[in-house]
Amino acid sequence: MRKGELTRRKIIEKAAPLFNKKGFNGCSMHDISAATGLEKGSLYTHFSSKEELASEAFDTAWAESCKARTGNLDQVSGSIEKLQLHIDNFVRKPPFAGGCPLLNTTIDADDGNPALYHKAQEALAAWVALLRQIIEQGQKASEIRSLVDPEAFATLVISLLEGAFFTSRLQKSKAPLRLAQQHLNRYIEEAVRKIPG
């Protein structure tokens, strides 16, 4: 990797947690300059705008979050087990510095940054697609009931987990996340898992 690419990568790695914690408007290029040890002018050598840097910082934060939540799903074989492991990963593994990048970016960009809001929409769509694929594979393997709507169930899982994460942060307690996990696992066993026979 060339020096310029290494510097660019360093800037993104330092900027990602700052944007995730402070939001787009709360994080200044001065903050990023201080974190990287680079002059502001040098930052603009590598990024045409703050928006471009924030966009790439979101990609990095989201990729790391996804890796933590889904990186080990291939260690289990069944679709039910994959869903339960994904939920457990979400509850147990620490989020990216500053919290869930999807939740933070959505709230931060909802009213003022269409480009970042679009990034969050794409991330959500990819998450839904991943869960939908697991569910559809489970239906083909007769592990998941055919009546389960893959899109609706994927949306339910994400909504409950993100809502619980939000509540956990406000209450400074993991209890809402554990409660969401219990309810999702019960629902999976009672309404999603196909009973053999």
N, C-alpha and C. Protein backbone atom coordinates (compact mmCIF):
# COMPACT_ATOMS: atom_id res chain seq x y z
N MET A 1 0.84 -1.18 0.00
CA MET A 1 0.00 0.00 0.00
C MET A 1 0.89 1.24 0.00
N ARG A 2 0.56 2.18 -0.86
CA ARG A 2 1.35 3.41 -0.95
C ARG A 2 1.12 4.31 0.25
N LYS A 3 2.07 5.25 0.45
CA LYS A 3 2.01 6.13 1.61
C LYS A 3 0.70 6.93 1.65
N GLY A 4 0.29 7.45 0.49
CA GLY A 4 -0.96 8.22 0.44
C GLY A 4 -2.16 7.39 0.85
N GLU A 5 -2.20 6.13 0.43
CA GLU A 5 -3.30 5.24 0.79
C GLU A 5 -3.27 4.92 2.28
N LEU A 6 -2.06 4.75 2.82
CA LEU A 6 -1.93 4.48 4.26
C LEU A 6 -2.41 5.68 5.07
N THR A 7 -2.05 6.87 4.63
CA THR A 7 -2.48 8.09 5.33
C THR A 7 -4.00 8.22 5.27
N ARG A 8 -4.55 7.97 4.10
CA ARG A 8 -6.01 8.05 3.93
C ARG A 8 -6.71 7.06 4.87
N ARG A 9 -6.18 5.84 4.93
CA ARG A 9 -6.75 4.82 5.81
C ARG A 9 -6.66 5.25 7.28
N LYS A 10 -5.52 5.84 7.66
CA LYS A 10 -5.33 6.32 9.03
C LYS A 10 -6.37 7.40 9.37
N ILE A 11 -6.59 8.31 8.44
CA ILE A 11 -7.56 9.38 8.67
C ILE A 11 -8.95 8.79 8.89
N ILE A 12 -9.34 7.85 8.03
CA ILE A 12 -10.67 7.24 8.15
C ILE A 12 -10.81 6.51 9.49
N GLU A 13 -9.77 5.77 9.88
CA GLU A 13 -9.83 5.02 11.14
C GLU A 13 -9.96 5.93 12.35
N LYS A 14 -9.31 7.09 12.30
CA LYS A 14 -9.41 8.04 13.42
C LYS A 14 -10.74 8.82 13.36
N ALA A 15 -11.21 9.08 12.14
CA ALA A 15 -12.44 9.87 11.98
C ALA A 15 -13.70 9.07 12.30
N ALA A 16 -13.70 7.77 12.01
CA ALA A 16 -14.90 6.96 12.17
C ALA A 16 -15.49 7.03 13.58
N PRO A 17 -14.70 6.79 14.63
CA PRO A 17 -15.30 6.89 15.97
C PRO A 17 -15.70 8.31 16.34
N LEU A 18 -14.98 9.31 15.82
CA LEU A 18 -15.35 10.70 16.12
C LEU A 18 -16.71 11.05 15.52
N PHE A 19 -16.91 10.71 14.25
CA PHE A 19 -18.21 10.98 13.63
C PHE A 19 -19.30 10.17 14.32
N ASN A 20 -18.99 8.93 14.69
CA ASN A 20 -20.00 8.09 15.32
C ASN A 20 -20.41 8.61 16.69
N LYS A 21 -19.46 9.18 17.41
CA LYS A 21 -19.76 9.70 18.75
C LYS A 21 -20.39 11.09 18.70
N LYS A 22 -19.84 11.96 17.83
CA LYS A 22 -20.25 13.37 17.84
C LYS A 22 -21.27 13.74 16.78
N GLY A 23 -21.43 12.89 15.78
CA GLY A 23 -22.31 13.23 14.68
C GLY A 23 -21.60 14.10 13.66
N PHE A 24 -22.22 14.27 12.51
CA PHE A 24 -21.59 15.03 11.43
C PHE A 24 -21.34 16.48 11.83
N ASN A 25 -22.36 17.14 12.37
CA ASN A 25 -22.21 18.55 12.73
C ASN A 25 -21.35 18.74 13.96
N GLY A 26 -21.38 17.77 14.88
CA GLY A 26 -20.61 17.89 16.12
C GLY A 26 -19.13 17.60 15.96
N CYS A 27 -18.77 16.92 14.89
CA CYS A 27 -17.38 16.57 14.64
C CYS A 27 -16.79 17.55 13.62
N SER A 28 -15.78 18.27 14.02
CA SER A 28 -15.18 19.25 13.11
C SER A 28 -13.93 18.67 12.46
N MET A 29 -13.52 19.29 11.38
CA MET A 29 -12.27 18.88 10.75
C MET A 29 -11.11 19.17 11.70
N HIS A 30 -11.26 20.15 12.59
CA HIS A 30 -10.24 20.42 13.60
C HIS A 30 -10.11 19.22 14.53
N ASP A 31 -11.24 18.61 14.93
CA ASP A 31 -11.22 17.41 15.77
C ASP A 31 -10.43 16.29 15.09
N ILE A 32 -10.68 16.12 13.80
CA ILE A 32 -10.01 15.05 13.04
C ILE A 32 -8.53 15.38 12.87
N SER A 33 -8.24 16.64 12.66
CA SER A 33 -6.85 17.08 12.57
C SER A 33 -6.10 16.76 13.86
N ALA A 34 -6.73 17.06 15.00
CA ALA A 34 -6.11 16.79 16.30
C ALA A 34 -5.91 15.30 16.51
N ALA A 35 -6.90 14.49 16.11
CA ALA A 35 -6.81 13.04 16.31
C ALA A 35 -5.75 12.39 15.43
N THR A 36 -5.56 12.92 14.23
CA THR A 36 -4.62 12.32 13.29
C THR A 36 -3.23 12.93 13.36
N GLY A 37 -3.14 14.13 13.92
CA GLY A 37 -1.86 14.83 13.93
C GLY A 37 -1.53 15.48 12.60
N LEU A 38 -2.53 15.56 11.72
CA LEU A 38 -2.33 16.16 10.39
C LEU A 38 -2.98 17.53 10.35
N GLU A 39 -2.42 18.41 9.56
CA GLU A 39 -3.02 19.73 9.36
C GLU A 39 -4.32 19.58 8.57
N LYS A 40 -5.24 20.54 8.78
CA LYS A 40 -6.51 20.48 8.06
C LYS A 40 -6.30 20.45 6.55
N GLY A 41 -5.34 21.21 6.08
CA GLY A 41 -5.05 21.23 4.64
C GLY A 41 -4.66 19.86 4.12
N SER A 42 -3.94 19.12 4.95
CA SER A 42 -3.53 17.76 4.56
C SER A 42 -4.74 16.83 4.48
N LEU A 43 -5.71 17.05 5.34
CA LEU A 43 -6.93 16.24 5.29
C LEU A 43 -7.63 16.43 3.94
N TYR A 44 -7.67 17.69 3.50
CA TYR A 44 -8.34 17.99 2.23
C TYR A 44 -7.52 17.54 1.02
N THR A 45 -6.28 17.17 1.24
CA THR A 45 -5.49 16.57 0.17
C THR A 45 -6.02 15.17 -0.14
N HIS A 46 -6.53 14.52 0.91
CA HIS A 46 -6.99 13.13 0.78
C HIS A 46 -8.51 13.02 0.60
N PHE A 47 -9.25 14.03 1.02
CA PHE A 47 -10.71 14.02 0.91
C PHE A 47 -11.17 15.37 0.39
N SER A 48 -12.06 15.34 -0.58
CA SER A 48 -12.50 16.60 -1.20
C SER A 48 -13.38 17.42 -0.27
N SER A 49 -14.01 16.76 0.71
CA SER A 49 -14.93 17.48 1.60
C SER A 49 -15.11 16.69 2.89
N LYS A 50 -15.67 17.36 3.87
CA LYS A 50 -16.01 16.70 5.13
C LYS A 50 -17.05 15.61 4.87
N GLU A 51 -17.96 15.85 3.93
CA GLU A 51 -18.99 14.87 3.60
C GLU A 51 -18.38 13.58 3.06
N GLU A 52 -17.36 13.71 2.20
CA GLU A 52 -16.72 12.52 1.66
C GLU A 52 -16.05 11.71 2.78
N LEU A 53 -15.37 12.41 3.68
CA LEU A 53 -14.71 11.73 4.80
C LEU A 53 -15.75 11.08 5.70
N ALA A 54 -16.83 11.78 6.01
CA ALA A 54 -17.88 11.21 6.87
C ALA A 54 -18.50 9.97 6.24
N SER A 55 -18.68 10.00 4.93
CA SER A 55 -19.26 8.87 4.22
C SER A 55 -18.35 7.64 4.33
N GLU A 56 -17.06 7.84 4.12
CA GLU A 56 -16.12 6.72 4.21
C GLU A 56 -15.93 6.27 5.65
N ALA A 57 -16.03 7.20 6.58
CA ALA A 57 -15.95 6.85 8.00
C ALA A 57 -17.14 5.98 8.39
N PHE A 58 -18.33 6.31 7.88
CA PHE A 58 -19.50 5.48 8.16
C PHE A 58 -19.30 4.08 7.60
N ASP A 59 -18.80 3.99 6.37
CA ASP A 59 -18.56 2.67 5.77
C ASP A 59 -17.65 1.82 6.65
N THR A 60 -16.61 2.44 7.17
CA THR A 60 -15.67 1.72 8.04
C THR A 60 -16.33 1.30 9.34
N ALA A 61 -17.05 2.21 9.98
CA ALA A 61 -17.72 1.90 11.24
C ALA A 61 -18.76 0.80 11.04
N TRP A 62 -19.51 0.87 9.96
CA TRP A 62 -20.54 -0.12 9.71
C TRP A 62 -19.93 -1.48 9.39
N ALA A 63 -18.85 -1.48 8.61
CA ALA A 63 -18.19 -2.75 8.27
C ALA A 63 -17.68 -3.44 9.53
N GLU A 64 -17.10 -2.68 10.45
CA GLU A 64 -16.61 -3.27 11.70
C GLU A 64 -17.76 -3.80 12.55
N SER A 65 -18.86 -3.05 12.58
CA SER A 65 -20.04 -3.51 13.33
C SER A 65 -20.59 -4.79 12.75
N CYS A 66 -20.68 -4.85 11.43
CA CYS A 66 -21.20 -6.05 10.76
C CYS A 66 -20.30 -7.25 11.02
N LYS A 67 -19.00 -7.02 10.98
CA LYS A 67 -18.06 -8.12 11.23
C LYS A 67 -18.26 -8.69 12.62
N ALA A 68 -18.46 -7.82 13.61
CA ALA A 68 -18.67 -8.27 14.98
C ALA A 68 -19.98 -9.05 15.11
N ARG A 69 -20.99 -8.63 14.37
CA ARG A 69 -22.32 -9.24 14.51
C ARG A 69 -22.55 -10.45 13.62
N THR A 70 -21.79 -10.55 12.53
CA THR A 70 -22.05 -11.64 11.58
C THR A 70 -20.81 -12.44 11.20
N GLY A 71 -19.65 -12.03 11.66
CA GLY A 71 -18.41 -12.65 11.22
C GLY A 71 -18.25 -14.11 11.59
N ASN A 72 -18.99 -14.57 12.58
CA ASN A 72 -18.85 -15.96 13.01
C ASN A 72 -20.07 -16.83 12.67
N LEU A 73 -20.97 -16.34 11.85
CA LEU A 73 -22.19 -17.09 11.57
C LEU A 73 -21.92 -18.39 10.82
N ASP A 74 -20.80 -18.44 10.11
CA ASP A 74 -20.48 -19.67 9.38
C ASP A 74 -20.00 -20.79 10.31
N GLN A 75 -19.86 -20.48 11.59
CA GLN A 75 -19.45 -21.50 12.56
C GLN A 75 -20.60 -22.40 12.99
N VAL A 76 -21.82 -22.00 12.65
CA VAL A 76 -22.99 -22.85 12.92
C VAL A 76 -23.65 -23.17 11.60
N SER A 77 -24.32 -24.31 11.53
CA SER A 77 -24.82 -24.76 10.23
C SER A 77 -26.29 -24.42 9.98
N GLY A 78 -27.13 -24.52 10.97
CA GLY A 78 -28.55 -24.32 10.74
C GLY A 78 -28.97 -22.86 10.71
N SER A 79 -30.06 -22.60 10.01
CA SER A 79 -30.56 -21.22 9.91
C SER A 79 -31.07 -20.69 11.24
N ILE A 80 -31.73 -21.53 12.01
CA ILE A 80 -32.20 -21.10 13.34
C ILE A 80 -31.00 -20.72 14.20
N GLU A 81 -29.97 -21.56 14.17
CA GLU A 81 -28.77 -21.29 14.95
C GLU A 81 -28.08 -20.01 14.50
N LYS A 82 -28.07 -19.75 13.19
CA LYS A 82 -27.47 -18.52 12.67
C LYS A 82 -28.24 -17.29 13.18
N LEU A 83 -29.56 -17.36 13.15
CA LEU A 83 -30.36 -16.24 13.64
C LEU A 83 -30.10 -16.01 15.12
N GLN A 84 -30.08 -17.09 15.90
CA GLN A 84 -29.86 -16.94 17.34
C GLN A 84 -28.46 -16.45 17.65
N LEU A 85 -27.47 -16.90 16.90
CA LEU A 85 -26.09 -16.42 17.10
C LEU A 85 -25.97 -14.95 16.74
N HIS A 86 -26.62 -14.55 15.66
CA HIS A 86 -26.59 -13.15 15.26
C HIS A 86 -27.19 -12.27 16.36
N ILE A 87 -28.30 -12.69 16.91
CA ILE A 87 -28.94 -11.94 18.00
C ILE A 87 -28.01 -11.89 19.21
N ASP A 88 -27.40 -13.02 19.54
CA ASP A 88 -26.47 -13.07 20.67
C ASP A 88 -25.27 -12.16 20.43
N ASN A 89 -24.74 -12.17 19.22
CA ASN A 89 -23.63 -11.27 18.89
C ASN A 89 -24.01 -9.82 19.12
N PHE A 90 -25.21 -9.46 18.67
CA PHE A 90 -25.67 -8.07 18.81
C PHE A 90 -25.74 -7.68 20.29
N VAL A 91 -26.23 -8.61 21.11
CA VAL A 91 -26.43 -8.31 22.53
C VAL A 91 -25.11 -8.32 23.30
N ARG A 92 -24.26 -9.30 23.03
CA ARG A 92 -23.04 -9.49 23.82
C ARG A 92 -21.86 -8.65 23.39
N LYS A 93 -21.63 -8.54 22.09
CA LYS A 93 -20.41 -7.90 21.62
C LYS A 93 -20.55 -6.38 21.68
N PRO A 94 -19.49 -5.71 22.13
CA PRO A 94 -19.57 -4.25 22.23
C PRO A 94 -19.74 -3.62 20.86
N PRO A 95 -20.55 -2.57 20.79
CA PRO A 95 -20.74 -1.90 19.50
C PRO A 95 -19.49 -1.12 19.12
N PHE A 96 -19.51 -0.57 17.95
CA PHE A 96 -18.43 0.31 17.52
C PHE A 96 -18.36 1.49 18.49
N ALA A 97 -17.18 2.06 18.67
CA ALA A 97 -17.00 3.17 19.61
C ALA A 97 -18.06 4.25 19.37
N GLY A 98 -18.85 4.52 20.39
CA GLY A 98 -19.89 5.53 20.28
C GLY A 98 -21.27 4.95 20.04
N GLY A 99 -21.35 3.63 19.84
CA GLY A 99 -22.66 3.00 19.63
C GLY A 99 -22.85 2.50 18.22
N CYS A 100 -24.06 2.09 17.92
CA CYS A 100 -24.37 1.52 16.61
C CYS A 100 -24.29 2.60 15.53
N PRO A 101 -23.41 2.44 14.55
CA PRO A 101 -23.28 3.46 13.50
C PRO A 101 -24.58 3.67 12.71
N LEU A 102 -25.34 2.61 12.52
CA LEU A 102 -26.59 2.74 11.77
C LEU A 102 -27.58 3.62 12.53
N LEU A 103 -27.77 3.33 13.79
CA LEU A 103 -28.69 4.11 14.62
C LEU A 103 -28.21 5.55 14.74
N ASN A 104 -26.93 5.74 15.04
CA ASN A 104 -26.40 7.09 15.22
C ASN A 104 -26.51 7.92 13.94
N THR A 105 -26.14 7.32 12.81
CA THR A 105 -26.15 8.06 11.55
C THR A 105 -27.57 8.38 11.11
N THR A 106 -28.48 7.45 11.33
CA THR A 106 -29.88 7.70 10.96
C THR A 106 -30.44 8.88 11.72
N ILE A 107 -30.22 8.90 13.02
CA ILE A 107 -30.73 10.00 13.84
C ILE A 107 -30.03 11.30 13.49
N ASP A 108 -28.72 11.23 13.32
CA ASP A 108 -27.93 12.42 13.04
C ASP A 108 -28.26 13.02 11.67
N ALA A 109 -28.46 12.17 10.67
CA ALA A 109 -28.60 12.66 9.29
C ALA A 109 -30.05 12.80 8.85
N ASP A 110 -30.99 12.43 9.69
CA ASP A 110 -32.40 12.39 9.30
C ASP A 110 -32.89 13.71 8.72
N ASP A 111 -32.51 14.80 9.32
CA ASP A 111 -33.03 16.10 8.88
C ASP A 111 -32.06 16.96 8.10
N GLY A 112 -30.80 16.54 7.96
CA GLY A 112 -29.89 17.50 7.37
C GLY A 112 -28.81 16.98 6.45
N ASN A 113 -28.66 15.68 6.29
CA ASN A 113 -27.57 15.20 5.46
C ASN A 113 -28.07 14.04 4.59
N PRO A 114 -28.63 14.35 3.43
CA PRO A 114 -29.20 13.30 2.59
C PRO A 114 -28.21 12.22 2.18
N ALA A 115 -26.95 12.58 1.97
CA ALA A 115 -25.96 11.58 1.54
C ALA A 115 -25.71 10.55 2.64
N LEU A 116 -25.54 11.01 3.88
CA LEU A 116 -25.34 10.07 4.98
C LEU A 116 -26.61 9.29 5.28
N TYR A 117 -27.75 9.93 5.16
CA TYR A 117 -29.02 9.23 5.37
C TYR A 117 -29.17 8.10 4.35
N HIS A 118 -28.78 8.37 3.13
CA HIS A 118 -28.82 7.34 2.08
C HIS A 118 -27.88 6.20 2.42
N LYS A 119 -26.70 6.51 2.95
CA LYS A 119 -25.76 5.47 3.38
C LYS A 119 -26.41 4.57 4.44
N ALA A 120 -27.10 5.19 5.39
CA ALA A 120 -27.77 4.42 6.44
C ALA A 120 -28.88 3.55 5.85
N GLN A 121 -29.61 4.09 4.88
CA GLN A 121 -30.66 3.30 4.22
C GLN A 121 -30.06 2.08 3.51
N GLU A 122 -28.94 2.27 2.85
CA GLU A 122 -28.27 1.16 2.16
C GLU A 122 -27.79 0.10 3.16
N ALA A 123 -27.26 0.56 4.30
CA ALA A 123 -26.78 -0.37 5.33
C ALA A 123 -27.94 -1.18 5.88
N LEU A 124 -29.06 -0.52 6.15
CA LEU A 124 -30.24 -1.23 6.64
C LEU A 124 -30.73 -2.25 5.62
N ALA A 125 -30.78 -1.86 4.36
CA ALA A 125 -31.24 -2.77 3.31
C ALA A 125 -30.33 -4.00 3.22
N ALA A 126 -29.03 -3.81 3.38
CA ALA A 126 -28.10 -4.94 3.33
C ALA A 126 -28.29 -5.86 4.53
N TRP A 127 -28.57 -5.29 5.69
CA TRP A 127 -28.81 -6.09 6.90
C TRP A 127 -30.08 -6.91 6.74
N VAL A 128 -31.14 -6.26 6.26
CA VAL A 128 -32.40 -6.97 6.00
C VAL A 128 -32.15 -8.11 5.00
N ALA A 129 -31.40 -7.83 3.94
CA ALA A 129 -31.13 -8.83 2.91
C ALA A 129 -30.38 -10.03 3.49
N LEU A 130 -29.42 -9.77 4.37
CA LEU A 130 -28.67 -10.87 5.00
C LEU A 130 -29.59 -11.77 5.81
N LEU A 131 -30.41 -11.17 6.65
CA LEU A 131 -31.33 -11.97 7.47
C LEU A 131 -32.37 -12.67 6.61
N ARG A 132 -32.86 -11.97 5.59
CA ARG A 132 -33.83 -12.57 4.67
C ARG A 132 -33.23 -13.82 4.01
N GLN A 133 -31.98 -13.73 3.61
CA GLN A 133 -31.30 -14.86 2.96
C GLN A 133 -31.20 -16.05 3.93
N ILE A 134 -30.84 -15.78 5.18
CA ILE A 134 -30.75 -16.86 6.17
C ILE A 134 -32.12 -17.52 6.35
N ILE A 135 -33.16 -16.71 6.42
CA ILE A 135 -34.52 -17.24 6.61
C ILE A 135 -34.95 -18.05 5.39
N GLU A 136 -34.70 -17.54 4.21
CA GLU A 136 -35.09 -18.26 2.99
C GLU A 136 -34.33 -19.59 2.87
N GLN A 137 -33.06 -19.58 3.24
CA GLN A 137 -32.29 -20.83 3.24
C GLN A 137 -32.88 -21.82 4.24
N GLY A 138 -33.29 -21.31 5.38
CA GLY A 138 -33.93 -22.16 6.39
C GLY A 138 -35.25 -22.74 5.91
N GLN A 139 -35.97 -21.97 5.14
CA GLN A 139 -37.24 -22.48 4.59
C GLN A 139 -36.96 -23.57 3.56
N LYS A 140 -35.96 -23.38 2.72
CA LYS A 140 -35.60 -24.40 1.73
C LYS A 140 -35.13 -25.68 2.39
N ALA A 141 -34.45 -25.56 3.53
CA ALA A 141 -33.94 -26.72 4.26
C ALA A 141 -34.97 -27.30 5.23
N SER A 142 -36.19 -26.77 5.20
CA SER A 142 -37.28 -27.22 6.09
C SER A 142 -36.94 -27.02 7.57
N GLU A 143 -36.16 -25.97 7.87
CA GLU A 143 -35.86 -25.62 9.26
C GLU A 143 -36.77 -24.49 9.76
N ILE A 144 -37.28 -23.71 8.82
CA ILE A 144 -38.12 -22.55 9.15
C ILE A 144 -39.46 -22.72 8.44
N ARG A 145 -40.53 -22.40 9.13
CA ARG A 145 -41.88 -22.54 8.58
C ARG A 145 -42.05 -21.73 7.30
N SER A 146 -42.74 -22.29 6.36
CA SER A 146 -42.94 -21.63 5.07
C SER A 146 -43.82 -20.39 5.20
N LEU A 147 -44.65 -20.32 6.23
CA LEU A 147 -45.53 -19.16 6.41
C LEU A 147 -44.79 -17.92 6.92
N VAL A 148 -43.56 -18.09 7.40
CA VAL A 148 -42.79 -16.94 7.89
C VAL A 148 -42.42 -16.05 6.70
N ASP A 149 -42.75 -14.78 6.81
CA ASP A 149 -42.40 -13.80 5.77
C ASP A 149 -40.95 -13.35 6.04
N PRO A 150 -40.00 -13.73 5.18
CA PRO A 150 -38.59 -13.42 5.45
C PRO A 150 -38.31 -11.92 5.63
N GLU A 151 -38.90 -11.10 4.79
CA GLU A 151 -38.68 -9.65 4.88
C GLU A 151 -39.25 -9.09 6.18
N ALA A 152 -40.45 -9.51 6.52
CA ALA A 152 -41.10 -9.00 7.73
C ALA A 152 -40.36 -9.46 8.98
N PHE A 153 -39.94 -10.73 9.00
CA PHE A 153 -39.24 -11.22 10.18
C PHE A 153 -37.87 -10.55 10.33
N ALA A 154 -37.16 -10.37 9.23
CA ALA A 154 -35.87 -9.67 9.28
C ALA A 154 -36.06 -8.26 9.83
N THR A 155 -37.10 -7.57 9.38
CA THR A 155 -37.39 -6.22 9.85
C THR A 155 -37.72 -6.22 11.34
N LEU A 156 -38.47 -7.22 11.78
CA LEU A 156 -38.83 -7.34 13.19
C LEU A 156 -37.57 -7.52 14.05
N VAL A 157 -36.69 -8.41 13.64
CA VAL A 157 -35.45 -8.66 14.40
C VAL A 157 -34.65 -7.37 14.53
N ILE A 158 -34.44 -6.69 13.42
CA ILE A 158 -33.63 -5.46 13.43
C ILE A 158 -34.29 -4.38 14.28
N SER A 159 -35.59 -4.23 14.11
CA SER A 159 -36.31 -3.18 14.85
C SER A 159 -36.25 -3.42 16.35
N LEU A 160 -36.43 -4.67 16.75
CA LEU A 160 -36.40 -4.97 18.18
C LEU A 160 -34.99 -4.80 18.76
N LEU A 161 -33.98 -5.26 18.02
CA LEU A 161 -32.61 -5.12 18.52
C LEU A 161 -32.18 -3.66 18.58
N GLU A 162 -32.44 -2.90 17.53
CA GLU A 162 -32.03 -1.49 17.53
C GLU A 162 -32.81 -0.69 18.58
N GLY A 163 -34.09 -0.98 18.72
CA GLY A 163 -34.89 -0.31 19.76
C GLY A 163 -34.38 -0.63 21.15
N ALA A 164 -34.03 -1.89 21.36
CA ALA A 164 -33.50 -2.31 22.67
C ALA A 164 -32.14 -1.67 22.92
N PHE A 165 -31.34 -1.56 21.85
CA PHE A 165 -30.03 -0.92 22.01
C PHE A 165 -30.20 0.54 22.42
N PHE A 166 -31.12 1.23 21.77
CA PHE A 166 -31.41 2.62 22.08
C PHE A 166 -31.85 2.76 23.55
N THR A 167 -32.77 1.88 23.97
CA THR A 167 -33.26 1.92 25.34
C THR A 167 -32.15 1.59 26.34
N SER A 168 -31.31 0.63 25.99
CA SER A 168 -30.19 0.26 26.86
C SER A 168 -29.25 1.44 27.09
N ARG A 169 -29.00 2.20 26.02
CA ARG A 169 -28.12 3.36 26.16
C ARG A 169 -28.75 4.42 27.07
N LEU A 170 -30.03 4.64 26.91
CA LEU A 170 -30.70 5.63 27.75
C LEU A 170 -30.72 5.19 29.21
N GLN A 171 -30.96 3.90 29.45
CA GLN A 171 -31.05 3.39 30.82
C GLN A 171 -29.69 3.00 31.39
N LYS A 172 -28.65 3.02 30.52
CA LYS A 172 -27.32 2.58 30.94
C LYS A 172 -27.38 1.20 31.57
N SER A 173 -28.09 0.31 30.87
CA SER A 173 -28.28 -1.05 31.35
C SER A 173 -28.42 -1.99 30.15
N LYS A 174 -27.89 -3.20 30.29
CA LYS A 174 -28.02 -4.21 29.24
C LYS A 174 -29.36 -4.92 29.32
N ALA A 175 -30.15 -4.64 30.35
CA ALA A 175 -31.41 -5.37 30.57
C ALA A 175 -32.34 -5.30 29.36
N PRO A 176 -32.55 -4.16 28.71
CA PRO A 176 -33.44 -4.14 27.55
C PRO A 176 -32.94 -5.03 26.41
N LEU A 177 -31.63 -5.09 26.21
CA LEU A 177 -31.08 -5.96 25.16
C LEU A 177 -31.30 -7.42 25.50
N ARG A 178 -31.08 -7.78 26.76
CA ARG A 178 -31.29 -9.18 27.16
C ARG A 178 -32.77 -9.56 27.04
N LEU A 179 -33.64 -8.62 27.38
CA LEU A 179 -35.08 -8.87 27.26
C LEU A 179 -35.47 -9.07 25.79
N ALA A 180 -34.94 -8.24 24.91
CA ALA A 180 -35.21 -8.38 23.48
C ALA A 180 -34.71 -9.74 22.98
N GLN A 181 -33.54 -10.14 23.43
CA GLN A 181 -32.99 -11.44 23.03
C GLN A 181 -33.90 -12.58 23.49
N GLN A 182 -34.35 -12.52 24.73
CA GLN A 182 -35.24 -13.57 25.25
C GLN A 182 -36.52 -13.66 24.41
N HIS A 183 -37.11 -12.52 24.11
CA HIS A 183 -38.37 -12.52 23.34
C HIS A 183 -38.15 -13.01 21.91
N LEU A 184 -37.06 -12.58 21.29
CA LEU A 184 -36.78 -13.04 19.93
C LEU A 184 -36.51 -14.54 19.89
N ASN A 185 -35.73 -15.03 20.84
CA ASN A 185 -35.45 -16.47 20.87
C ASN A 185 -36.72 -17.28 21.12
N ARG A 186 -37.59 -16.78 21.99
CA ARG A 186 -38.86 -17.48 22.24
C ARG A 186 -39.72 -17.47 20.97
N TYR A 187 -39.76 -16.34 20.30
CA TYR A 187 -40.55 -16.24 19.07
C TYR A 187 -39.99 -17.18 17.99
N ILE A 188 -38.66 -17.24 17.90
CA ILE A 188 -38.04 -18.14 16.93
C ILE A 188 -38.43 -19.58 17.21
N GLU A 189 -38.39 -19.97 18.48
CA GLU A 189 -38.72 -21.36 18.83
C GLU A 189 -40.20 -21.67 18.64
N GLU A 190 -41.07 -20.71 18.94
CA GLU A 190 -42.51 -20.97 18.93
C GLU A 190 -43.18 -20.69 17.59
N ALA A 191 -42.67 -19.73 16.83
CA ALA A 191 -43.38 -19.33 15.61
C ALA A 191 -42.57 -19.43 14.33
N VAL A 192 -41.25 -19.60 14.45
CA VAL A 192 -40.39 -19.60 13.26
C VAL A 192 -39.86 -21.01 12.96
N ARG A 193 -39.34 -21.68 13.98
CA ARG A 193 -38.76 -23.02 13.78
C ARG A 193 -39.84 -24.00 13.30
N LYS A 194 -39.51 -24.73 12.26
CA LYS A 194 -40.43 -25.74 11.74
C LYS A 194 -40.27 -27.01 12.58
N ILE A 195 -41.41 -27.49 13.07
CA ILE A 195 -41.40 -28.73 13.87
C ILE A 195 -41.37 -29.91 12.91
N PRO A 196 -40.39 -30.78 13.05
CA PRO A 196 -40.33 -31.95 12.15
C PRO A 196 -41.58 -32.81 12.25
N GLY A 197 -41.94 -33.39 11.12
CA GLY A 197 -43.05 -34.32 11.12
C GLY A 197 -44.23 -33.89 10.32
